[in-house]
Amino acid sequence: MSYAALKLLHVVGAVLFLGSLLLCGWWKRRAERDASVAVVTFALDTIAAADTRFTASGALLLLIGGGGLLASFGGETVTPAWLSGGILLFLLAALAWAVGLLPLQRQLRRALRDAGQGALPEAYHRPGRYWTWTSNAATLAAFAGLLLMVLRPGG
């Protein structure tokens, strides 16, 4: 695959991954303002669909494009700090999403299914706060990684 094609995959992956993280957090916060089980359930179902279609696809494209670009360096064992940092931050964001956010989303959706209608149940609030903290951390890590990759400080 050409350098330009790999770079395009990488950029599209970054847009999908970071964009989905940003929008999913925004959707959840907006829905929780309403405090209605039906509204929050709809938002979390939408977030789960977005994760499947956009966050996971973005992560995969980042891996394919980024891995191909890294291989195009010719197997150098020393990488610039901005590149190592960007890779590490992407991995932290992806790990927070896969190991933190996805299980918490399942827990939140289960709490809402068991609640019926009305106000958000007590079982929702603690994992909901953990989800928000984890989402913020993943989004900040992904954004910081993007900044390193685009600005390439020191390199």
N, C-alpha and C. Protein backbone atom coordinates (compact mmCIF):
# COMPACT_ATOMS: atom_id res chain seq x y z
N MET A 1 0.85 -1.17 0.00
CA MET A 1 0.00 0.00 0.00
C MET A 1 0.90 1.24 0.00
N SER A 2 0.51 2.26 -0.70
CA SER A 2 1.33 3.46 -0.82
C SER A 2 1.34 4.25 0.49
N TYR A 3 2.35 5.08 0.64
CA TYR A 3 2.47 5.95 1.81
C TYR A 3 1.24 6.84 1.94
N ALA A 4 0.78 7.41 0.83
CA ALA A 4 -0.39 8.30 0.85
C ALA A 4 -1.65 7.56 1.30
N ALA A 5 -1.82 6.33 0.84
CA ALA A 5 -2.99 5.54 1.24
C ALA A 5 -2.94 5.19 2.73
N LEU A 6 -1.76 4.83 3.20
CA LEU A 6 -1.60 4.52 4.63
C LEU A 6 -1.88 5.76 5.48
N LYS A 7 -1.38 6.89 5.03
CA LYS A 7 -1.59 8.13 5.77
C LYS A 7 -3.08 8.49 5.79
N LEU A 8 -3.76 8.30 4.66
CA LEU A 8 -5.20 8.56 4.61
C LEU A 8 -5.95 7.65 5.58
N LEU A 9 -5.63 6.37 5.59
CA LEU A 9 -6.27 5.44 6.54
C LEU A 9 -6.03 5.90 7.97
N HIS A 10 -4.81 6.32 8.24
CA HIS A 10 -4.44 6.75 9.58
C HIS A 10 -5.23 8.00 10.00
N VAL A 11 -5.33 8.97 9.11
CA VAL A 11 -6.05 10.21 9.41
C VAL A 11 -7.54 9.93 9.57
N VAL A 12 -8.12 9.14 8.68
CA VAL A 12 -9.55 8.79 8.80
C VAL A 12 -9.79 8.04 10.11
N GLY A 13 -8.88 7.13 10.45
CA GLY A 13 -9.00 6.41 11.72
C GLY A 13 -8.97 7.35 12.91
N ALA A 14 -8.08 8.34 12.88
CA ALA A 14 -8.00 9.31 13.98
C ALA A 14 -9.28 10.12 14.10
N VAL A 15 -9.83 10.54 12.96
CA VAL A 15 -11.07 11.30 12.97
C VAL A 15 -12.21 10.47 13.56
N LEU A 16 -12.34 9.23 13.11
CA LEU A 16 -13.41 8.36 13.61
C LEU A 16 -13.24 8.05 15.10
N PHE A 17 -12.02 7.69 15.49
CA PHE A 17 -11.77 7.30 16.88
C PHE A 17 -12.01 8.47 17.83
N LEU A 18 -11.32 9.58 17.60
CA LEU A 18 -11.46 10.73 18.50
C LEU A 18 -12.86 11.33 18.40
N GLY A 19 -13.38 11.44 17.20
CA GLY A 19 -14.73 12.00 17.03
C GLY A 19 -15.78 11.19 17.76
N SER A 20 -15.67 9.88 17.69
CA SER A 20 -16.64 9.02 18.37
C SER A 20 -16.50 9.15 19.89
N LEU A 21 -15.27 9.19 20.39
CA LEU A 21 -15.08 9.38 21.84
C LEU A 21 -15.72 10.69 22.30
N LEU A 22 -15.48 11.75 21.55
CA LEU A 22 -16.04 13.06 21.91
C LEU A 22 -17.56 13.05 21.90
N LEU A 23 -18.13 12.54 20.81
CA LEU A 23 -19.58 12.58 20.68
C LEU A 23 -20.29 11.64 21.64
N CYS A 24 -19.71 10.50 21.92
CA CYS A 24 -20.36 9.56 22.84
C CYS A 24 -20.44 10.16 24.25
N GLY A 25 -19.36 10.81 24.69
CA GLY A 25 -19.40 11.48 25.98
C GLY A 25 -20.42 12.60 26.02
N TRP A 26 -20.49 13.34 24.93
CA TRP A 26 -21.45 14.44 24.84
C TRP A 26 -22.88 13.92 24.88
N TRP A 27 -23.16 12.85 24.12
CA TRP A 27 -24.50 12.25 24.10
C TRP A 27 -24.91 11.81 25.50
N LYS A 28 -24.02 11.12 26.20
CA LYS A 28 -24.36 10.62 27.54
C LYS A 28 -24.65 11.77 28.49
N ARG A 29 -23.80 12.78 28.49
CA ARG A 29 -24.02 13.92 29.39
C ARG A 29 -25.33 14.64 29.09
N ARG A 30 -25.62 14.84 27.82
CA ARG A 30 -26.88 15.50 27.45
C ARG A 30 -28.09 14.68 27.88
N ALA A 31 -28.01 13.38 27.68
CA ALA A 31 -29.15 12.52 28.05
C ALA A 31 -29.35 12.50 29.56
N GLU A 32 -28.26 12.50 30.31
CA GLU A 32 -28.39 12.43 31.77
C GLU A 32 -28.99 13.71 32.36
N ARG A 33 -28.89 14.82 31.65
CA ARG A 33 -29.54 16.06 32.12
C ARG A 33 -31.04 15.87 32.25
N ASP A 34 -31.61 15.05 31.37
CA ASP A 34 -33.04 14.77 31.38
C ASP A 34 -33.40 13.85 32.56
N ALA A 35 -32.46 12.98 32.94
CA ALA A 35 -32.63 12.04 34.05
C ALA A 35 -33.76 11.04 33.83
N SER A 36 -34.18 10.87 32.59
CA SER A 36 -35.23 9.91 32.27
C SER A 36 -34.59 8.60 31.80
N VAL A 37 -35.09 7.49 32.33
CA VAL A 37 -34.58 6.18 31.94
C VAL A 37 -34.70 5.99 30.43
N ALA A 38 -35.82 6.38 29.85
CA ALA A 38 -36.03 6.19 28.40
C ALA A 38 -35.02 6.98 27.58
N VAL A 39 -34.76 8.22 27.95
CA VAL A 39 -33.83 9.07 27.20
C VAL A 39 -32.40 8.55 27.33
N VAL A 40 -32.00 8.21 28.55
CA VAL A 40 -30.63 7.72 28.77
C VAL A 40 -30.45 6.36 28.12
N THR A 41 -31.47 5.52 28.15
CA THR A 41 -31.39 4.22 27.49
C THR A 41 -31.17 4.40 25.99
N PHE A 42 -31.92 5.31 25.39
CA PHE A 42 -31.75 5.59 23.96
C PHE A 42 -30.32 6.08 23.69
N ALA A 43 -29.82 6.98 24.51
CA ALA A 43 -28.47 7.51 24.32
C ALA A 43 -27.43 6.40 24.44
N LEU A 44 -27.55 5.55 25.46
CA LEU A 44 -26.57 4.47 25.63
C LEU A 44 -26.66 3.44 24.52
N ASP A 45 -27.85 3.18 24.02
CA ASP A 45 -27.98 2.28 22.87
C ASP A 45 -27.31 2.89 21.63
N THR A 46 -27.47 4.20 21.47
CA THR A 46 -26.83 4.90 20.35
C THR A 46 -25.31 4.89 20.51
N ILE A 47 -24.83 5.08 21.73
CA ILE A 47 -23.40 5.04 22.01
C ILE A 47 -22.84 3.66 21.70
N ALA A 48 -23.56 2.61 22.08
CA ALA A 48 -23.10 1.24 21.79
C ALA A 48 -23.01 1.02 20.28
N ALA A 49 -23.98 1.52 19.54
CA ALA A 49 -23.93 1.39 18.08
C ALA A 49 -22.78 2.20 17.50
N ALA A 50 -22.55 3.40 18.02
CA ALA A 50 -21.44 4.23 17.54
C ALA A 50 -20.10 3.57 17.85
N ASP A 51 -20.00 2.94 19.00
CA ASP A 51 -18.76 2.25 19.35
C ASP A 51 -18.45 1.14 18.35
N THR A 52 -19.47 0.40 17.97
CA THR A 52 -19.27 -0.68 17.01
C THR A 52 -18.89 -0.14 15.65
N ARG A 53 -19.58 0.88 15.21
CA ARG A 53 -19.37 1.39 13.85
C ARG A 53 -18.19 2.35 13.72
N PHE A 54 -18.01 3.22 14.69
CA PHE A 54 -17.04 4.30 14.53
C PHE A 54 -15.80 4.17 15.40
N THR A 55 -15.99 3.95 16.70
CA THR A 55 -14.82 3.88 17.59
C THR A 55 -13.95 2.67 17.22
N ALA A 56 -14.56 1.51 17.10
CA ALA A 56 -13.80 0.30 16.75
C ALA A 56 -13.20 0.41 15.35
N SER A 57 -13.97 0.93 14.40
CA SER A 57 -13.45 1.10 13.04
C SER A 57 -12.29 2.08 13.02
N GLY A 58 -12.42 3.16 13.78
CA GLY A 58 -11.35 4.14 13.86
C GLY A 58 -10.08 3.54 14.45
N ALA A 59 -10.24 2.77 15.53
CA ALA A 59 -9.07 2.13 16.14
C ALA A 59 -8.40 1.17 15.16
N LEU A 60 -9.21 0.42 14.45
CA LEU A 60 -8.65 -0.53 13.47
C LEU A 60 -7.90 0.21 12.35
N LEU A 61 -8.49 1.28 11.84
CA LEU A 61 -7.82 2.05 10.79
C LEU A 61 -6.54 2.71 11.30
N LEU A 62 -6.57 3.18 12.55
CA LEU A 62 -5.35 3.73 13.15
C LEU A 62 -4.25 2.68 13.22
N LEU A 63 -4.63 1.47 13.60
CA LEU A 63 -3.64 0.39 13.69
C LEU A 63 -3.09 0.01 12.31
N ILE A 64 -3.98 -0.12 11.35
CA ILE A 64 -3.55 -0.50 9.99
C ILE A 64 -2.69 0.60 9.38
N GLY A 65 -3.23 1.82 9.37
CA GLY A 65 -2.49 2.93 8.77
C GLY A 65 -1.22 3.25 9.53
N GLY A 66 -1.32 3.32 10.86
CA GLY A 66 -0.15 3.62 11.67
C GLY A 66 0.90 2.54 11.61
N GLY A 67 0.45 1.28 11.64
CA GLY A 67 1.40 0.17 11.53
C GLY A 67 2.12 0.18 10.20
N GLY A 68 1.38 0.46 9.13
CA GLY A 68 1.99 0.55 7.80
C GLY A 68 2.96 1.70 7.69
N LEU A 69 2.59 2.84 8.27
CA LEU A 69 3.50 3.99 8.25
C LEU A 69 4.76 3.70 9.06
N LEU A 70 4.57 3.07 10.20
CA LEU A 70 5.72 2.72 11.04
C LEU A 70 6.65 1.75 10.30
N ALA A 71 6.07 0.78 9.61
CA ALA A 71 6.87 -0.17 8.84
C ALA A 71 7.62 0.53 7.71
N SER A 72 7.06 1.63 7.20
CA SER A 72 7.72 2.35 6.11
C SER A 72 8.98 3.07 6.58
N PHE A 73 9.15 3.19 7.89
CA PHE A 73 10.39 3.79 8.42
C PHE A 73 11.58 2.87 8.20
N GLY A 74 11.34 1.65 7.76
CA GLY A 74 12.43 0.73 7.45
C GLY A 74 12.96 -0.03 8.64
N GLY A 75 12.13 -0.24 9.65
CA GLY A 75 12.54 -1.05 10.78
C GLY A 75 13.50 -0.37 11.74
N GLU A 76 13.52 0.96 11.75
CA GLU A 76 14.38 1.66 12.69
C GLU A 76 13.99 1.29 14.12
N THR A 77 14.97 1.08 14.96
CA THR A 77 14.66 0.72 16.35
C THR A 77 14.48 1.94 17.22
N VAL A 78 14.98 3.07 16.81
CA VAL A 78 14.82 4.31 17.57
C VAL A 78 13.74 5.14 16.89
N THR A 79 12.72 5.48 17.65
CA THR A 79 11.66 6.32 17.11
C THR A 79 11.68 7.67 17.81
N PRO A 80 11.24 8.71 17.14
CA PRO A 80 11.19 10.02 17.79
C PRO A 80 10.24 10.00 18.99
N ALA A 81 10.51 10.85 19.96
CA ALA A 81 9.68 10.90 21.17
C ALA A 81 8.22 11.20 20.85
N TRP A 82 7.96 12.07 19.87
CA TRP A 82 6.58 12.40 19.53
C TRP A 82 5.84 11.17 19.01
N LEU A 83 6.54 10.32 18.27
CA LEU A 83 5.92 9.11 17.72
C LEU A 83 5.65 8.09 18.83
N SER A 84 6.66 7.85 19.66
CA SER A 84 6.48 6.92 20.78
C SER A 84 5.36 7.40 21.70
N GLY A 85 5.37 8.70 21.98
CA GLY A 85 4.33 9.26 22.84
C GLY A 85 2.95 9.15 22.22
N GLY A 86 2.85 9.43 20.93
CA GLY A 86 1.56 9.32 20.25
C GLY A 86 1.02 7.89 20.26
N ILE A 87 1.91 6.93 20.02
CA ILE A 87 1.50 5.52 20.04
C ILE A 87 1.04 5.14 21.44
N LEU A 88 1.81 5.52 22.45
CA LEU A 88 1.46 5.20 23.84
C LEU A 88 0.11 5.81 24.22
N LEU A 89 -0.10 7.06 23.85
CA LEU A 89 -1.37 7.71 24.18
C LEU A 89 -2.55 7.06 23.45
N PHE A 90 -2.36 6.68 22.19
CA PHE A 90 -3.42 5.97 21.49
C PHE A 90 -3.73 4.64 22.19
N LEU A 91 -2.68 3.90 22.56
CA LEU A 91 -2.89 2.62 23.24
C LEU A 91 -3.61 2.81 24.57
N LEU A 92 -3.26 3.86 25.32
CA LEU A 92 -3.97 4.15 26.57
C LEU A 92 -5.43 4.47 26.33
N ALA A 93 -5.71 5.27 25.30
CA ALA A 93 -7.09 5.62 24.97
C ALA A 93 -7.88 4.38 24.55
N ALA A 94 -7.27 3.56 23.70
CA ALA A 94 -7.94 2.34 23.23
C ALA A 94 -8.18 1.37 24.38
N LEU A 95 -7.20 1.26 25.27
CA LEU A 95 -7.35 0.38 26.44
C LEU A 95 -8.45 0.88 27.36
N ALA A 96 -8.48 2.18 27.61
CA ALA A 96 -9.54 2.75 28.45
C ALA A 96 -10.90 2.50 27.83
N TRP A 97 -10.99 2.60 26.51
CA TRP A 97 -12.26 2.35 25.83
C TRP A 97 -12.65 0.88 25.93
N ALA A 98 -11.73 0.00 25.56
CA ALA A 98 -12.06 -1.43 25.48
C ALA A 98 -12.24 -2.08 26.85
N VAL A 99 -11.40 -1.73 27.80
CA VAL A 99 -11.41 -2.40 29.10
C VAL A 99 -12.25 -1.63 30.12
N GLY A 100 -12.39 -0.32 29.94
CA GLY A 100 -13.15 0.48 30.88
C GLY A 100 -14.54 0.82 30.41
N LEU A 101 -14.62 1.52 29.28
CA LEU A 101 -15.92 2.05 28.85
C LEU A 101 -16.91 0.98 28.40
N LEU A 102 -16.44 0.03 27.61
CA LEU A 102 -17.38 -0.99 27.10
C LEU A 102 -18.03 -1.80 28.23
N PRO A 103 -17.26 -2.32 29.20
CA PRO A 103 -17.92 -3.03 30.30
C PRO A 103 -18.83 -2.12 31.13
N LEU A 104 -18.42 -0.88 31.36
CA LEU A 104 -19.27 0.04 32.12
C LEU A 104 -20.57 0.32 31.37
N GLN A 105 -20.50 0.44 30.03
CA GLN A 105 -21.72 0.65 29.25
C GLN A 105 -22.68 -0.52 29.40
N ARG A 106 -22.14 -1.72 29.38
CA ARG A 106 -23.02 -2.89 29.57
C ARG A 106 -23.68 -2.85 30.95
N GLN A 107 -22.89 -2.47 31.96
CA GLN A 107 -23.42 -2.38 33.33
C GLN A 107 -24.50 -1.29 33.41
N LEU A 108 -24.27 -0.16 32.80
CA LEU A 108 -25.25 0.92 32.82
C LEU A 108 -26.53 0.52 32.09
N ARG A 109 -26.39 -0.11 30.96
CA ARG A 109 -27.57 -0.53 30.19
C ARG A 109 -28.37 -1.57 30.97
N ARG A 110 -27.67 -2.47 31.66
CA ARG A 110 -28.34 -3.48 32.48
C ARG A 110 -29.11 -2.81 33.63
N ALA A 111 -28.48 -1.82 34.29
CA ALA A 111 -29.15 -1.10 35.38
C ALA A 111 -30.41 -0.41 34.89
N LEU A 112 -30.36 0.14 33.68
CA LEU A 112 -31.53 0.82 33.13
C LEU A 112 -32.63 -0.17 32.74
N ARG A 113 -32.24 -1.33 32.20
CA ARG A 113 -33.24 -2.35 31.84
C ARG A 113 -33.99 -2.81 33.07
N ASP A 114 -33.28 -2.93 34.19
CA ASP A 114 -33.90 -3.41 35.43
C ASP A 114 -34.72 -2.32 36.13
N ALA A 115 -34.58 -1.06 35.71
CA ALA A 115 -35.20 0.06 36.41
C ALA A 115 -36.63 0.33 35.98
N GLY A 116 -37.01 -0.10 34.81
CA GLY A 116 -38.32 0.26 34.30
C GLY A 116 -38.30 1.69 33.79
N GLN A 117 -39.33 2.46 34.08
CA GLN A 117 -39.42 3.85 33.62
C GLN A 117 -39.26 4.79 34.80
N GLY A 118 -39.17 6.07 34.51
CA GLY A 118 -39.04 7.06 35.57
C GLY A 118 -37.63 7.61 35.66
N ALA A 119 -37.20 7.88 36.88
CA ALA A 119 -35.89 8.49 37.13
C ALA A 119 -34.79 7.43 37.07
N LEU A 120 -33.57 7.90 36.92
CA LEU A 120 -32.43 6.98 36.87
C LEU A 120 -32.29 6.26 38.21
N PRO A 121 -32.06 4.95 38.17
CA PRO A 121 -31.95 4.19 39.41
C PRO A 121 -30.64 4.48 40.14
N GLU A 122 -30.60 4.20 41.42
CA GLU A 122 -29.38 4.41 42.22
C GLU A 122 -28.22 3.58 41.69
N ALA A 123 -28.51 2.39 41.17
CA ALA A 123 -27.46 1.50 40.64
C ALA A 123 -26.77 2.07 39.40
N TYR A 124 -27.31 3.13 38.84
CA TYR A 124 -26.75 3.74 37.63
C TYR A 124 -25.66 4.76 37.95
N HIS A 125 -25.79 5.45 39.06
CA HIS A 125 -24.98 6.66 39.30
C HIS A 125 -23.49 6.40 39.49
N ARG A 126 -23.10 5.44 40.30
CA ARG A 126 -21.66 5.21 40.52
C ARG A 126 -20.97 4.75 39.23
N PRO A 127 -21.46 3.69 38.55
CA PRO A 127 -20.80 3.33 37.28
C PRO A 127 -20.92 4.43 36.23
N GLY A 128 -21.96 5.25 36.31
CA GLY A 128 -22.09 6.37 35.39
C GLY A 128 -20.98 7.39 35.58
N ARG A 129 -20.62 7.66 36.85
CA ARG A 129 -19.49 8.57 37.12
C ARG A 129 -18.18 7.95 36.65
N TYR A 130 -17.98 6.66 36.89
CA TYR A 130 -16.76 5.98 36.42
C TYR A 130 -16.67 6.05 34.90
N TRP A 131 -17.81 5.86 34.23
CA TRP A 131 -17.82 5.95 32.76
C TRP A 131 -17.38 7.34 32.32
N THR A 132 -17.91 8.37 32.97
CA THR A 132 -17.56 9.74 32.60
C THR A 132 -16.07 10.00 32.81
N TRP A 133 -15.52 9.59 33.94
CA TRP A 133 -14.08 9.78 34.20
C TRP A 133 -13.24 9.03 33.18
N THR A 134 -13.63 7.79 32.91
CA THR A 134 -12.88 6.97 31.95
C THR A 134 -12.99 7.55 30.55
N SER A 135 -14.17 8.01 30.19
CA SER A 135 -14.37 8.63 28.88
C SER A 135 -13.53 9.89 28.74
N ASN A 136 -13.51 10.71 29.78
CA ASN A 136 -12.70 11.93 29.74
C ASN A 136 -11.22 11.59 29.60
N ALA A 137 -10.75 10.59 30.33
CA ALA A 137 -9.34 10.18 30.26
C ALA A 137 -9.01 9.66 28.86
N ALA A 138 -9.88 8.81 28.30
CA ALA A 138 -9.64 8.26 26.96
C ALA A 138 -9.63 9.37 25.92
N THR A 139 -10.56 10.30 26.02
CA THR A 139 -10.64 11.40 25.06
C THR A 139 -9.42 12.31 25.15
N LEU A 140 -9.00 12.63 26.37
CA LEU A 140 -7.81 13.47 26.55
C LEU A 140 -6.56 12.78 26.03
N ALA A 141 -6.43 11.48 26.29
CA ALA A 141 -5.27 10.73 25.79
C ALA A 141 -5.27 10.71 24.26
N ALA A 142 -6.43 10.45 23.66
CA ALA A 142 -6.51 10.42 22.20
C ALA A 142 -6.20 11.80 21.61
N PHE A 143 -6.71 12.85 22.24
CA PHE A 143 -6.46 14.20 21.74
C PHE A 143 -4.99 14.57 21.89
N ALA A 144 -4.39 14.23 23.03
CA ALA A 144 -2.95 14.51 23.23
C ALA A 144 -2.11 13.73 22.21
N GLY A 145 -2.50 12.48 21.94
CA GLY A 145 -1.80 11.70 20.92
C GLY A 145 -1.91 12.34 19.55
N LEU A 146 -3.09 12.84 19.23
CA LEU A 146 -3.29 13.54 17.96
C LEU A 146 -2.39 14.77 17.87
N LEU A 147 -2.34 15.55 18.95
CA LEU A 147 -1.47 16.73 18.96
C LEU A 147 -0.02 16.35 18.73
N LEU A 148 0.45 15.30 19.39
CA LEU A 148 1.84 14.87 19.18
C LEU A 148 2.09 14.46 17.73
N MET A 149 1.15 13.73 17.16
CA MET A 149 1.33 13.25 15.79
C MET A 149 1.30 14.39 14.77
N VAL A 150 0.48 15.39 15.02
CA VAL A 150 0.37 16.49 14.07
C VAL A 150 1.50 17.51 14.26
N LEU A 151 1.77 17.87 15.51
CA LEU A 151 2.76 18.92 15.78
C LEU A 151 4.20 18.42 15.78
N ARG A 152 4.40 17.14 16.07
CA ARG A 152 5.73 16.53 16.09
C ARG A 152 6.76 17.38 16.83
N PRO A 153 6.51 17.66 18.10
CA PRO A 153 7.44 18.52 18.83
C PRO A 153 8.84 17.88 18.92
N GLY A 154 9.84 18.68 18.70
CA GLY A 154 11.21 18.22 18.78
C GLY A 154 11.65 17.32 17.62
N GLY A 155 10.80 17.14 16.63
CA GLY A 155 11.19 16.23 15.58
C GLY A 155 10.82 16.71 14.25
